[in-house]
Amino acid sequence: MSVPAPRVFARNVKTGAGNDWAWVRIRAFVVNASTGAVVTSSGCSSWSYATDAVPATWSGTTNFSLNGNGNYRVDHRIVYWNSTVQVGWAADRINRFRLINSYRTNIGTFGSCSYVA
C-alpha cells in the first residue's frame, strides 16, 4: 500500500494570510477497517514548515507491505510545534481508496482498501 502525505496548513489564528506558522510532522497508521486495531505504522516524518497560506510539503509516499487478506484504512497523525513545544495535533483519515487491478484497470473508489486472495 502506498500512502501520499496529506496537505497540512498551520492553524489560522490571526486575521490575514501567511502570518500564522508551525513546524509540522506526520505519521501514518494502517488500521484494520473491520476492528479499528492498528496493524502497523510508519515512523515520524521529517519536520516541514507550514503557514496558514502555504502547506507543509514532503516528497514521496509512505509504503507498507501488508497481508493480502485484510481490510485496511489509513489514518495520519499530524503534530504541530512552534520552535520549542508541541502546540497541537490533528488526525486525518484517508477514507477514499482507488482500487486498480493487476491489469491497471480502475475498479472503482471504496471507503477502505481490501483484498482477499
N, C-alpha and C. Protein backbone atom coordinates (compact mmCIF):
# COMPACT_ATOMS: atom_id res chain seq x y z
N MET A 1 0.86 -1.17 0.00
CA MET A 1 0.00 0.00 0.00
C MET A 1 0.90 1.23 0.00
N SER A 2 0.62 2.18 -0.90
CA SER A 2 1.35 3.45 -0.95
C SER A 2 0.44 4.55 -0.46
N VAL A 3 0.96 5.37 0.44
CA VAL A 3 0.15 6.41 1.07
C VAL A 3 0.80 7.77 0.82
N PRO A 4 0.11 8.68 0.13
CA PRO A 4 0.67 10.02 -0.05
C PRO A 4 0.52 10.84 1.23
N ALA A 5 1.36 11.84 1.38
CA ALA A 5 1.26 12.73 2.54
C ALA A 5 0.05 13.64 2.39
N PRO A 6 -0.58 14.00 3.50
CA PRO A 6 -1.71 14.92 3.43
C PRO A 6 -1.23 16.36 3.20
N ARG A 7 -2.13 17.23 2.76
CA ARG A 7 -1.84 18.66 2.68
C ARG A 7 -2.11 19.23 4.06
N VAL A 8 -1.10 19.85 4.66
CA VAL A 8 -1.20 20.33 6.03
C VAL A 8 -0.83 21.81 6.09
N PHE A 9 -1.75 22.62 6.57
CA PHE A 9 -1.53 24.04 6.77
C PHE A 9 -1.38 24.31 8.27
N ALA A 10 -0.77 25.43 8.61
CA ALA A 10 -0.73 25.87 10.00
C ALA A 10 -2.13 26.36 10.39
N ARG A 11 -2.42 26.30 11.66
CA ARG A 11 -3.70 26.79 12.16
C ARG A 11 -3.81 28.30 11.91
N ASN A 12 -4.96 28.72 11.41
CA ASN A 12 -5.17 30.13 11.08
C ASN A 12 -5.79 30.83 12.28
N VAL A 13 -4.95 31.47 13.10
CA VAL A 13 -5.40 32.13 14.33
C VAL A 13 -5.55 33.63 14.13
N LYS A 14 -4.55 34.25 13.50
CA LYS A 14 -4.56 35.70 13.30
C LYS A 14 -5.21 36.05 11.96
N THR A 15 -5.90 37.19 11.93
CA THR A 15 -6.51 37.68 10.69
C THR A 15 -5.41 37.95 9.67
N GLY A 16 -5.68 37.56 8.43
CA GLY A 16 -4.71 37.77 7.36
C GLY A 16 -4.06 36.47 6.94
N ALA A 17 -3.55 36.45 5.73
CA ALA A 17 -2.95 35.23 5.17
C ALA A 17 -1.45 35.23 5.36
N GLY A 18 -0.90 34.07 5.70
CA GLY A 18 0.53 33.90 5.76
C GLY A 18 1.20 34.38 7.03
N ASN A 19 0.43 34.78 8.05
CA ASN A 19 1.04 35.30 9.27
C ASN A 19 0.97 34.32 10.44
N ASP A 20 0.46 33.13 10.22
CA ASP A 20 0.49 32.06 11.21
C ASP A 20 1.39 30.96 10.66
N TRP A 21 2.15 30.29 11.53
CA TRP A 21 3.07 29.26 11.06
C TRP A 21 3.21 28.17 12.11
N ALA A 22 3.76 27.04 11.68
CA ALA A 22 4.07 25.94 12.59
C ALA A 22 5.05 24.99 11.91
N TRP A 23 5.82 24.31 12.72
CA TRP A 23 6.59 23.17 12.25
C TRP A 23 5.67 21.96 12.35
N VAL A 24 5.65 21.14 11.32
CA VAL A 24 4.69 20.04 11.24
C VAL A 24 5.41 18.74 10.89
N ARG A 25 4.94 17.65 11.48
CA ARG A 25 5.37 16.33 11.03
C ARG A 25 4.17 15.40 11.08
N ILE A 26 4.27 14.30 10.35
CA ILE A 26 3.15 13.37 10.24
C ILE A 26 3.62 11.95 10.50
N ARG A 27 2.66 11.10 10.81
CA ARG A 27 2.91 9.67 10.97
C ARG A 27 1.68 8.94 10.47
N ALA A 28 1.88 7.91 9.66
CA ALA A 28 0.77 7.15 9.09
C ALA A 28 0.54 5.86 9.88
N PHE A 29 -0.72 5.53 10.10
CA PHE A 29 -1.13 4.31 10.78
C PHE A 29 -2.04 3.50 9.87
N VAL A 30 -1.69 2.25 9.61
CA VAL A 30 -2.60 1.35 8.89
C VAL A 30 -3.49 0.70 9.94
N VAL A 31 -4.80 0.79 9.72
CA VAL A 31 -5.79 0.33 10.69
C VAL A 31 -6.65 -0.75 10.05
N ASN A 32 -6.96 -1.79 10.80
CA ASN A 32 -7.91 -2.81 10.36
C ASN A 32 -9.28 -2.13 10.29
N ALA A 33 -9.84 -2.00 9.09
CA ALA A 33 -11.11 -1.28 8.93
C ALA A 33 -12.27 -1.99 9.59
N SER A 34 -12.15 -3.29 9.84
CA SER A 34 -13.23 -4.04 10.47
C SER A 34 -13.23 -3.90 11.99
N THR A 35 -12.03 -3.83 12.59
CA THR A 35 -11.94 -3.82 14.05
C THR A 35 -11.44 -2.50 14.64
N GLY A 36 -10.76 -1.69 13.85
CA GLY A 36 -10.19 -0.45 14.36
C GLY A 36 -8.81 -0.62 14.97
N ALA A 37 -8.30 -1.83 14.99
CA ALA A 37 -6.98 -2.09 15.58
C ALA A 37 -5.87 -1.60 14.65
N VAL A 38 -4.82 -1.02 15.23
CA VAL A 38 -3.67 -0.59 14.44
C VAL A 38 -2.90 -1.83 13.99
N VAL A 39 -2.64 -1.94 12.69
CA VAL A 39 -1.90 -3.07 12.13
C VAL A 39 -0.41 -2.76 12.10
N THR A 40 -0.05 -1.58 11.65
CA THR A 40 1.34 -1.13 11.60
C THR A 40 1.35 0.38 11.45
N SER A 41 2.52 0.97 11.62
CA SER A 41 2.63 2.42 11.45
C SER A 41 4.00 2.76 10.89
N SER A 42 4.09 3.95 10.35
CA SER A 42 5.37 4.46 9.87
C SER A 42 6.07 5.15 11.02
N GLY A 43 7.30 5.52 10.81
CA GLY A 43 7.96 6.40 11.75
C GLY A 43 7.46 7.82 11.50
N CYS A 44 7.93 8.74 12.30
CA CYS A 44 7.56 10.15 12.10
C CYS A 44 8.30 10.70 10.90
N SER A 45 7.65 11.57 10.17
CA SER A 45 8.27 12.22 9.03
C SER A 45 9.32 13.22 9.48
N SER A 46 10.00 13.79 8.54
CA SER A 46 10.87 14.92 8.84
C SER A 46 9.99 16.13 9.13
N TRP A 47 10.59 17.15 9.73
CA TRP A 47 9.85 18.38 10.01
C TRP A 47 9.68 19.16 8.73
N SER A 48 8.53 19.82 8.59
CA SER A 48 8.28 20.69 7.45
C SER A 48 7.59 21.95 7.95
N TYR A 49 7.90 23.06 7.35
CA TYR A 49 7.37 24.36 7.76
C TYR A 49 6.08 24.64 7.00
N ALA A 50 5.04 25.06 7.72
CA ALA A 50 3.75 25.39 7.10
C ALA A 50 3.29 26.76 7.59
N THR A 51 2.58 27.46 6.75
CA THR A 51 1.90 28.67 7.18
C THR A 51 0.41 28.46 6.97
N ASP A 52 -0.39 29.46 7.32
CA ASP A 52 -1.83 29.33 7.08
C ASP A 52 -2.19 29.54 5.61
N ALA A 53 -1.20 29.89 4.77
CA ALA A 53 -1.45 30.07 3.34
C ALA A 53 -0.70 29.06 2.47
N VAL A 54 0.39 28.51 2.99
CA VAL A 54 1.22 27.57 2.23
C VAL A 54 1.37 26.29 3.03
N PRO A 55 0.99 25.13 2.44
CA PRO A 55 1.07 23.88 3.21
C PRO A 55 2.50 23.37 3.37
N ALA A 56 2.68 22.55 4.38
CA ALA A 56 3.93 21.81 4.54
C ALA A 56 4.02 20.82 3.38
N THR A 57 5.24 20.47 2.99
CA THR A 57 5.40 19.51 1.91
C THR A 57 6.39 18.43 2.31
N TRP A 58 6.12 17.23 1.84
CA TRP A 58 7.01 16.09 1.98
C TRP A 58 7.08 15.42 0.63
N SER A 59 8.24 14.92 0.28
CA SER A 59 8.37 14.25 -1.02
C SER A 59 8.11 12.76 -0.86
N GLY A 60 7.66 12.14 -1.93
CA GLY A 60 7.47 10.70 -1.94
C GLY A 60 6.20 10.25 -1.24
N THR A 61 6.13 8.95 -1.02
CA THR A 61 4.99 8.33 -0.36
C THR A 61 5.49 7.42 0.75
N THR A 62 4.60 7.04 1.64
CA THR A 62 4.89 6.04 2.66
C THR A 62 4.37 4.71 2.14
N ASN A 63 5.19 3.68 2.17
CA ASN A 63 4.81 2.37 1.64
C ASN A 63 4.73 1.34 2.76
N PHE A 64 3.70 0.50 2.67
CA PHE A 64 3.50 -0.58 3.63
C PHE A 64 3.35 -1.89 2.87
N SER A 65 3.94 -2.96 3.39
CA SER A 65 3.70 -4.31 2.88
C SER A 65 2.75 -4.98 3.85
N LEU A 66 1.60 -5.42 3.34
CA LEU A 66 0.55 -5.94 4.20
C LEU A 66 0.12 -7.33 3.78
N ASN A 67 -0.49 -8.06 4.71
CA ASN A 67 -1.10 -9.34 4.43
C ASN A 67 -2.19 -9.13 3.39
N GLY A 68 -2.22 -9.96 2.37
CA GLY A 68 -3.22 -9.83 1.30
C GLY A 68 -4.64 -10.04 1.76
N ASN A 69 -4.84 -10.75 2.87
CA ASN A 69 -6.19 -11.00 3.38
C ASN A 69 -6.52 -9.99 4.47
N GLY A 70 -6.95 -8.80 4.06
CA GLY A 70 -7.24 -7.79 5.06
C GLY A 70 -8.14 -6.70 4.50
N ASN A 71 -8.62 -5.89 5.39
CA ASN A 71 -9.47 -4.75 5.05
C ASN A 71 -8.87 -3.57 5.81
N TYR A 72 -8.25 -2.63 5.09
CA TYR A 72 -7.43 -1.62 5.71
C TYR A 72 -7.90 -0.20 5.41
N ARG A 73 -7.55 0.71 6.29
CA ARG A 73 -7.66 2.14 6.03
C ARG A 73 -6.41 2.79 6.64
N VAL A 74 -6.19 4.05 6.30
CA VAL A 74 -5.00 4.75 6.78
C VAL A 74 -5.41 6.01 7.52
N ASP A 75 -4.83 6.18 8.71
CA ASP A 75 -5.02 7.40 9.50
C ASP A 75 -3.68 8.10 9.61
N HIS A 76 -3.68 9.43 9.46
CA HIS A 76 -2.48 10.22 9.70
C HIS A 76 -2.61 10.94 11.03
N ARG A 77 -1.55 10.98 11.80
CA ARG A 77 -1.45 11.82 12.98
C ARG A 77 -0.58 13.00 12.58
N ILE A 78 -1.08 14.20 12.73
CA ILE A 78 -0.38 15.43 12.36
C ILE A 78 -0.05 16.17 13.65
N VAL A 79 1.23 16.50 13.84
CA VAL A 79 1.68 17.16 15.06
C VAL A 79 2.23 18.54 14.71
N TYR A 80 1.78 19.55 15.46
CA TYR A 80 2.19 20.94 15.24
C TYR A 80 3.09 21.40 16.39
N TRP A 81 4.19 22.07 16.05
CA TRP A 81 5.12 22.61 17.04
C TRP A 81 5.46 24.05 16.70
N ASN A 82 5.73 24.85 17.73
CA ASN A 82 6.39 26.13 17.50
C ASN A 82 7.88 25.83 17.59
N SER A 83 8.70 26.74 17.92
CA SER A 83 10.15 26.48 17.97
C SER A 83 10.56 25.51 19.07
N THR A 84 9.74 25.36 20.13
CA THR A 84 10.19 24.57 21.28
C THR A 84 9.19 23.55 21.81
N VAL A 85 7.89 23.76 21.64
CA VAL A 85 6.91 22.86 22.25
C VAL A 85 5.79 22.49 21.27
N GLN A 86 5.16 21.34 21.53
CA GLN A 86 4.01 20.94 20.73
C GLN A 86 2.85 21.87 21.03
N VAL A 87 2.23 22.39 19.99
CA VAL A 87 1.12 23.33 20.17
C VAL A 87 -0.21 22.74 19.71
N GLY A 88 -0.20 21.51 19.21
CA GLY A 88 -1.45 20.88 18.82
C GLY A 88 -1.21 19.64 17.98
N TRP A 89 -2.29 18.93 17.73
CA TRP A 89 -2.23 17.77 16.85
C TRP A 89 -3.60 17.59 16.22
N ALA A 90 -3.63 16.83 15.13
CA ALA A 90 -4.88 16.54 14.44
C ALA A 90 -4.78 15.14 13.85
N ALA A 91 -5.91 14.56 13.57
CA ALA A 91 -5.97 13.26 12.90
C ALA A 91 -6.66 13.45 11.56
N ASP A 92 -6.17 12.72 10.57
CA ASP A 92 -6.74 12.78 9.23
C ASP A 92 -6.92 11.35 8.74
N ARG A 93 -8.13 10.98 8.40
CA ARG A 93 -8.41 9.63 7.91
C ARG A 93 -8.55 9.66 6.40
N ILE A 94 -7.78 8.82 5.73
CA ILE A 94 -7.96 8.64 4.30
C ILE A 94 -9.15 7.71 4.14
N ASN A 95 -10.25 8.22 3.62
CA ASN A 95 -11.47 7.41 3.56
C ASN A 95 -11.95 7.13 2.14
N ARG A 96 -11.10 7.40 1.16
CA ARG A 96 -11.43 7.07 -0.22
C ARG A 96 -10.21 6.44 -0.87
N PHE A 97 -10.33 5.20 -1.32
CA PHE A 97 -9.24 4.48 -1.95
C PHE A 97 -9.65 4.10 -3.37
N ARG A 98 -8.72 4.24 -4.29
CA ARG A 98 -8.96 3.83 -5.66
C ARG A 98 -8.35 2.45 -5.84
N LEU A 99 -9.14 1.49 -6.27
CA LEU A 99 -8.67 0.12 -6.46
C LEU A 99 -8.33 -0.09 -7.93
N ILE A 100 -7.08 -0.49 -8.19
CA ILE A 100 -6.62 -0.78 -9.54
C ILE A 100 -6.15 -2.23 -9.56
N ASN A 101 -6.64 -3.01 -10.51
CA ASN A 101 -6.26 -4.42 -10.55
C ASN A 101 -4.92 -4.63 -11.23
N SER A 102 -4.49 -5.89 -11.35
CA SER A 102 -3.18 -6.20 -11.91
C SER A 102 -3.06 -5.84 -13.39
N TYR A 103 -4.19 -5.58 -14.06
CA TYR A 103 -4.18 -5.16 -15.46
C TYR A 103 -4.20 -3.64 -15.60
N ARG A 104 -4.03 -2.94 -14.47
CA ARG A 104 -4.03 -1.47 -14.40
C ARG A 104 -5.39 -0.89 -14.76
N THR A 105 -6.47 -1.65 -14.50
CA THR A 105 -7.83 -1.19 -14.72
C THR A 105 -8.39 -0.63 -13.43
N ASN A 106 -8.96 0.56 -13.50
CA ASN A 106 -9.56 1.19 -12.33
C ASN A 106 -10.88 0.47 -12.03
N ILE A 107 -10.95 -0.20 -10.89
CA ILE A 107 -12.14 -0.94 -10.49
C ILE A 107 -13.18 -0.02 -9.86
N GLY A 108 -12.74 1.01 -9.16
CA GLY A 108 -13.67 1.93 -8.51
C GLY A 108 -13.06 2.55 -7.28
N THR A 109 -13.85 3.34 -6.57
CA THR A 109 -13.41 4.02 -5.36
C THR A 109 -14.19 3.45 -4.18
N PHE A 110 -13.46 3.16 -3.10
CA PHE A 110 -14.06 2.48 -1.95
C PHE A 110 -13.67 3.19 -0.66
N GLY A 111 -14.39 2.89 0.44
CA GLY A 111 -14.15 3.50 1.73
C GLY A 111 -13.03 2.87 2.52
N SER A 112 -12.57 1.70 2.10
CA SER A 112 -11.40 1.07 2.69
C SER A 112 -10.73 0.26 1.61
N CYS A 113 -9.50 -0.11 1.85
CA CYS A 113 -8.72 -0.85 0.87
C CYS A 113 -8.70 -2.31 1.29
N SER A 114 -9.37 -3.17 0.53
CA SER A 114 -9.43 -4.57 0.92
C SER A 114 -8.98 -5.47 -0.22
N TYR A 115 -8.48 -6.63 0.16
CA TYR A 115 -8.06 -7.61 -0.82
C TYR A 115 -8.19 -8.98 -0.17
N VAL A 116 -8.80 -9.88 -0.85
CA VAL A 116 -8.91 -11.25 -0.37
C VAL A 116 -8.33 -12.16 -1.43
N ALA A 117 -7.31 -12.94 -1.06
CA ALA A 117 -6.62 -13.82 -2.03
C ALA A 117 -7.51 -14.99 -2.39
